[in-house]
Amino acid sequence: MTMLDIQISIEEGPWPSEADLQALSERVLTAAADFLKREEKQPFPKVPPEVSLVFTDDASIRSINAEWRAQDKPTNVLSFPAFPLMPGKKPGPMLGDIILAHETLVREADDLGKPFNEHLTHLLVHGFLHLFGYDHLEDNEAERMESLETRILAGLGLSDPYGDSDPV
């Protein structure tokens, strides 16, 4: 089992308890790390790398999105790698930050007809992959990232979040 040092901060919004978020995050991110190590031969440092999870609201993530991505709107998840990393390269002791917005996650889960925790699980995996250099700006990158997400989620017992949709 790949060890991670998962730090959680609940800043805004009616999120589940810190203990529940910690348990879910550890299960999901450990499964994602194990998958990357096994299937993608992703190396990990000997000391468990740290990942910071920030659980906030739409107003806060909108501000961060505007400042760092010049997009003045809320979004579901933002990832900020501590250091630039290419897929398959060894990360340092700090992976980076994943920030999630409660209202957007609730709205999307409702629109998708999925339980909140399933959508949260998907976005944790999505954000985690960004920390390892995976992206979805180009179609081929999107297909690769979505394939990894789908396979990781299947290992967690969840269905393909993209179904028949085109890559984002």
Protein backbone atom coordinates (compact mmCIF):
# COMPACT_ATOMS: atom_id res chain seq x y z
CA MET A 1 0.00 0.00 0.00
CA THR A 2 1.35 3.39 -1.02
CA MET A 3 1.52 5.71 1.95
CA LEU A 4 0.43 9.35 1.66
CA ASP A 5 0.43 12.17 4.19
CA ILE A 6 -3.03 13.65 3.66
CA GLN A 7 -3.67 17.01 5.32
CA ILE A 8 -7.27 18.25 5.40
CA SER A 9 -8.63 21.74 5.92
CA ILE A 10 -12.35 22.49 5.96
CA GLU A 11 -12.58 26.21 5.26
CA GLU A 12 -16.18 26.90 4.20
CA GLY A 13 -19.37 25.02 3.47
CA PRO A 14 -21.45 22.27 5.04
CA TRP A 15 -18.98 19.45 4.36
CA PRO A 16 -19.12 16.09 6.11
CA SER A 17 -17.06 15.84 9.30
CA GLU A 18 -13.28 16.06 9.13
CA ALA A 19 -13.06 12.42 10.26
CA ASP A 20 -15.39 11.31 7.43
CA LEU A 21 -13.49 13.37 4.85
CA GLN A 22 -10.17 12.02 6.14
CA ALA A 23 -11.38 8.41 5.90
CA LEU A 24 -12.84 8.89 2.40
CA SER A 25 -9.76 10.77 1.17
CA GLU A 26 -7.35 8.17 2.53
CA ARG A 27 -9.29 5.33 0.89
CA VAL A 28 -9.63 7.12 -2.47
CA LEU A 29 -6.16 8.65 -2.76
CA THR A 30 -4.40 5.50 -1.53
CA ALA A 31 -6.28 3.49 -4.17
CA ALA A 32 -5.30 6.05 -6.81
CA ALA A 33 -1.65 6.01 -5.69
CA ASP A 34 -1.57 2.20 -5.64
CA PHE A 35 -3.08 2.10 -9.13
CA LEU A 36 -0.53 4.59 -10.50
CA LYS A 37 2.32 2.65 -8.89
CA ARG A 38 1.09 -0.71 -10.18
CA GLU A 39 -0.31 0.14 -13.62
CA GLU A 40 1.66 3.24 -14.63
CA LYS A 41 4.92 2.35 -12.80
CA GLN A 42 4.70 5.69 -11.01
CA PRO A 43 7.61 6.01 -8.55
CA PHE A 44 6.99 7.40 -5.07
CA PRO A 45 9.47 8.76 -2.53
CA LYS A 46 10.34 6.61 0.50
CA VAL A 47 8.80 9.15 2.86
CA PRO A 48 5.02 9.44 2.28
CA PRO A 49 4.47 12.53 0.13
CA GLU A 50 2.10 15.17 1.46
CA VAL A 51 -1.08 16.21 -0.29
CA SER A 52 -3.20 19.04 1.05
CA LEU A 53 -6.98 18.92 0.61
CA VAL A 54 -8.94 22.13 1.05
CA PHE A 55 -12.70 21.85 1.31
CA THR A 56 -14.34 25.20 0.67
CA ASP A 57 -17.31 26.93 -0.98
CA ASP A 58 -18.05 28.46 -4.39
CA ALA A 59 -17.15 32.01 -3.34
CA SER A 60 -13.69 31.00 -2.18
CA ILE A 61 -12.89 28.77 -5.15
CA ARG A 62 -14.18 31.47 -7.51
CA SER A 63 -11.67 33.90 -6.04
CA ILE A 64 -8.83 31.38 -6.36
CA ASN A 65 -9.90 30.48 -9.91
CA ALA A 66 -9.94 34.17 -10.88
CA GLU A 67 -6.53 34.85 -9.36
CA TRP A 68 -4.67 31.78 -10.62
CA ARG A 69 -6.49 30.84 -13.82
CA ALA A 70 -8.06 34.17 -14.89
CA GLN A 71 -11.50 32.54 -14.81
CA ASP A 72 -13.87 34.52 -12.62
CA LYS A 73 -16.28 31.70 -11.86
CA PRO A 74 -16.59 28.84 -9.40
CA THR A 75 -15.40 25.41 -10.43
CA ASN A 76 -15.60 21.96 -8.86
CA VAL A 77 -11.90 21.25 -8.24
CA LEU A 78 -8.57 23.00 -8.60
CA SER A 79 -5.18 21.33 -8.30
CA PHE A 80 -1.90 23.06 -7.61
CA PRO A 81 1.14 20.78 -7.89
CA ALA A 82 3.92 21.75 -5.48
CA PHE A 83 6.43 21.18 -8.27
CA PRO A 84 5.99 20.62 -12.00
CA LEU A 85 5.84 16.88 -12.57
CA MET A 86 5.58 14.79 -15.71
CA PRO A 87 3.60 11.54 -15.48
CA GLY A 88 5.92 8.73 -14.45
CA LYS A 89 8.52 10.98 -12.81
CA LYS A 90 9.26 10.76 -9.09
CA PRO A 91 7.52 13.45 -7.01
CA GLY A 92 9.10 15.32 -4.16
CA PRO A 93 7.99 15.28 -0.53
CA MET A 94 5.04 17.60 -1.25
CA LEU A 95 2.60 16.66 -4.03
CA GLY A 96 0.49 19.81 -3.83
CA ASP A 97 -2.98 21.11 -3.07
CA ILE A 98 -6.42 19.99 -4.19
CA ILE A 99 -9.24 22.47 -3.54
CA LEU A 100 -12.91 21.45 -3.81
CA ALA A 101 -16.07 23.59 -3.78
CA HIS A 102 -19.10 22.27 -1.93
CA GLU A 103 -21.98 23.97 -3.78
CA THR A 104 -20.60 23.06 -7.20
CA LEU A 105 -20.10 19.43 -6.16
CA VAL A 106 -23.64 19.21 -4.80
CA ARG A 107 -25.12 20.80 -7.92
CA GLU A 108 -23.13 18.54 -10.27
CA ALA A 109 -23.92 15.39 -8.28
CA ASP A 110 -27.63 16.28 -8.45
CA ASP A 111 -27.41 17.00 -12.20
CA LEU A 112 -25.65 13.66 -12.75
CA GLY A 113 -28.04 11.76 -10.49
CA LYS A 114 -25.09 10.50 -8.42
CA PRO A 115 -24.58 10.38 -4.67
CA PHE A 116 -22.44 13.26 -3.38
CA ASN A 117 -19.67 10.95 -2.11
CA GLU A 118 -19.35 9.27 -5.52
CA HIS A 119 -18.89 12.62 -7.24
CA LEU A 120 -16.48 13.76 -4.52
CA THR A 121 -14.52 10.51 -5.03
CA HIS A 122 -14.28 11.18 -8.76
CA LEU A 123 -13.05 14.74 -8.23
CA LEU A 124 -10.48 13.65 -5.64
CA VAL A 125 -9.08 11.19 -8.21
CA HIS A 126 -9.21 13.86 -10.93
CA GLY A 127 -7.38 16.41 -8.78
CA PHE A 128 -4.84 13.82 -7.64
CA LEU A 129 -3.96 12.93 -11.23
CA HIS A 130 -3.33 16.61 -11.97
CA LEU A 131 -0.70 16.61 -9.20
CA PHE A 132 1.17 13.91 -11.16
CA GLY A 133 1.19 15.92 -14.37
CA TYR A 134 -1.87 14.48 -16.08
CA ASP A 135 -4.02 17.00 -17.91
CA HIS A 136 -6.96 17.30 -20.29
CA LEU A 137 -6.12 20.31 -22.45
CA GLU A 138 -5.57 18.27 -25.62
CA ASP A 139 -7.86 15.44 -26.75
CA ASN A 140 -5.16 12.75 -26.43
CA GLU A 141 -4.29 13.96 -22.90
CA ALA A 142 -7.98 14.01 -21.96
CA GLU A 143 -8.50 10.47 -23.23
CA ARG A 144 -5.51 9.21 -21.23
CA MET A 145 -6.54 11.03 -18.04
CA GLU A 146 -10.18 9.95 -18.31
CA SER A 147 -9.10 6.35 -18.91
CA LEU A 148 -7.00 6.45 -15.73
CA GLU A 149 -9.86 8.03 -13.76
CA THR A 150 -12.32 5.43 -15.03
CA ARG A 151 -10.01 2.53 -14.17
CA ILE A 152 -9.20 3.90 -10.69
CA LEU A 153 -12.90 4.48 -9.98
CA ALA A 154 -13.76 0.97 -11.21
CA GLY A 155 -11.28 -0.35 -8.63
CA LEU A 156 -13.29 1.56 -6.03
CA GLY A 157 -16.53 0.02 -7.29
CA LEU A 158 -17.77 3.13 -9.12
CA SER A 159 -19.05 3.43 -12.68
CA ASP A 160 -17.44 5.36 -15.54
CA PRO A 161 -18.12 9.05 -14.77
CA TYR A 162 -17.83 9.95 -18.44
CA GLY A 163 -20.05 7.27 -19.93
CA ASP A 164 -20.53 8.04 -23.59
CA SER A 165 -19.35 11.64 -23.40
CA ASP A 166 -16.50 13.11 -25.41
CA PRO A 167 -13.28 13.95 -23.55
CA VAL A 168 -13.33 17.34 -21.80
